[in-house]
Every structure is written in C-alpha cells, then in structure tokens.
Amino acid sequence: MESIKKNGITIYSALFERKKVVEIDDIEYPIKRFSSGIRYVDLFGYRYIEQNRNKKSEWGKKAREGHKIMWVIKGRRYMARIMDGEYVDLKK
C-alpha cells in the first residue's frame, strides 16, 4: 500500500511538472494522454490520472480554480486522491 502513495506522489510531481515520462525504480514510464488531453500513467494495475478541469463536478471546479488534483484508480474504484501535494487514502 505504501508503494501506491510513494508512486502516486512521484507521478503527481511528474504530471504537474509537465514531464513526458516518470521514473520509478530506475524504469521510465510514459505519461500518456487521452484524446481529451487528460494525462495519466498506468502502473502495476493502477491508473494515476489528473482531474479533468472541464468536468462540471466539484473536483472539476477545484481544478479550474488552480488546484492540482490527481486520482489513483484500480478498476472502477477510486483508491486515493492527491490534491495540492496532499495524499488522501479513499479506501477507508
């Protein structure tokens, strides 16, 4: 579980520093984009994905206001959120 947090923080930093790849354990993983422009990384069965600022949700609004938000998803479950550098475990 600790690795999700550690990887999440590393990927979060790379996403919002506009990098093309993220390095985890000396291996580079590409930062991909959906056609919408939303950036994400798939790693060990998890998807680390930035918040879509065009969504009409509370989170989309926060992103438009300048908050940096990334979600950690496994399958259809939201596992964690990182907002403005703060990691929140959502599995409780």
Protein backbone atom coordinates (compact mmCIF):
# COMPACT_ATOMS: atom_id res chain seq x y z
CA MET A 1 0.00 0.00 0.00
CA GLU A 2 2.90 2.32 0.77
CA SER A 3 4.09 1.95 -2.83
CA ILE A 4 0.80 3.41 -4.14
CA LYS A 5 1.41 6.51 -2.07
CA LYS A 6 5.10 6.73 -3.00
CA ASN A 7 4.41 6.11 -6.70
CA GLY A 8 1.43 8.45 -6.56
CA ILE A 9 3.49 11.35 -5.21
CA THR A 10 6.23 10.69 -7.81
CA ILE A 11 3.72 10.53 -10.69
CA TYR A 12 1.83 13.55 -9.36
CA SER A 13 5.03 15.60 -9.40
CA ALA A 14 5.89 14.49 -12.95
CA LEU A 15 2.36 15.21 -14.24
CA PHE A 16 2.26 18.73 -12.88
CA GLU A 17 5.85 19.47 -13.89
CA ARG A 18 4.68 18.66 -17.43
CA LYS A 19 7.18 15.83 -17.89
CA LYS A 20 6.89 13.27 -20.71
CA VAL A 21 7.98 10.29 -18.58
CA VAL A 22 8.09 9.40 -14.90
CA GLU A 23 10.93 7.37 -13.41
CA ILE A 24 10.06 4.76 -10.80
CA ASP A 25 12.70 2.32 -9.52
CA ASP A 26 15.07 3.29 -12.37
CA ILE A 27 12.45 2.50 -15.03
CA GLU A 28 10.87 5.22 -17.16
CA TYR A 29 7.11 5.05 -17.74
CA PRO A 30 5.45 7.24 -20.37
CA ILE A 31 2.95 9.87 -19.31
CA LYS A 32 0.12 9.26 -21.78
CA ARG A 33 -2.76 11.45 -22.89
CA PHE A 34 -6.36 10.72 -23.72
CA SER A 35 -7.77 12.48 -26.80
CA SER A 36 -9.25 14.99 -24.30
CA GLY A 37 -5.70 15.94 -23.30
CA ILE A 38 -6.05 14.46 -19.81
CA ARG A 39 -2.73 12.97 -18.73
CA TYR A 40 -2.35 9.62 -17.00
CA VAL A 41 0.07 6.83 -16.16
CA ASP A 42 -0.79 3.13 -15.97
CA LEU A 43 1.39 1.30 -13.45
CA PHE A 44 1.02 -2.14 -11.85
CA GLY A 45 -2.74 -2.33 -12.42
CA TYR A 46 -3.38 1.21 -11.19
CA ARG A 47 -4.21 4.28 -13.22
CA TYR A 48 -2.90 7.61 -11.97
CA ILE A 49 -4.96 10.29 -13.71
CA GLU A 50 -5.18 14.05 -13.50
CA GLN A 51 -8.52 15.70 -12.78
CA ASN A 52 -10.37 16.85 -15.89
CA ARG A 53 -10.87 20.58 -15.36
CA ASN A 54 -13.74 20.59 -17.87
CA LYS A 55 -15.92 18.34 -15.70
CA LYS A 56 -18.96 20.02 -14.19
CA SER A 57 -18.17 18.40 -10.83
CA GLU A 58 -16.88 19.93 -7.60
CA TRP A 59 -13.44 18.48 -8.50
CA GLY A 60 -13.53 19.98 -11.99
CA LYS A 61 -14.30 23.35 -10.41
CA LYS A 62 -11.39 22.98 -7.98
CA ALA A 63 -9.07 22.14 -10.90
CA ARG A 64 -10.27 25.24 -12.78
CA GLU A 65 -9.54 27.30 -9.66
CA GLY A 66 -5.93 26.13 -9.92
CA HIS A 67 -5.82 23.15 -7.56
CA LYS A 68 -3.59 20.32 -8.78
CA ILE A 69 -5.61 17.11 -8.45
CA MET A 70 -4.74 13.53 -9.38
CA TRP A 71 -6.68 10.32 -8.74
CA VAL A 72 -5.42 6.78 -8.19
CA ILE A 73 -7.87 4.27 -9.66
CA LYS A 74 -7.90 0.48 -9.75
CA GLY A 75 -10.60 -0.95 -11.98
CA ARG A 76 -13.57 1.26 -11.21
CA ARG A 77 -12.55 2.07 -7.64
CA TYR A 78 -11.01 5.34 -6.55
CA MET A 79 -8.15 4.33 -4.26
CA ALA A 80 -6.61 7.71 -3.46
CA ARG A 81 -6.57 11.39 -4.29
CA ILE A 82 -3.63 13.74 -4.28
CA MET A 83 -4.60 17.39 -4.18
CA ASP A 84 -2.02 20.16 -3.95
CA GLY A 85 0.56 17.57 -2.89
CA GLU A 86 -1.53 16.05 -0.09
CA TYR A 87 -2.24 12.31 -0.32
CA VAL A 88 -5.66 11.09 0.85
CA ASP A 89 -6.44 7.35 1.07
CA LEU A 90 -10.02 6.76 -0.14
CA LYS A 91 -10.30 3.05 0.69
CA LYS A 92 -11.30 3.52 4.32
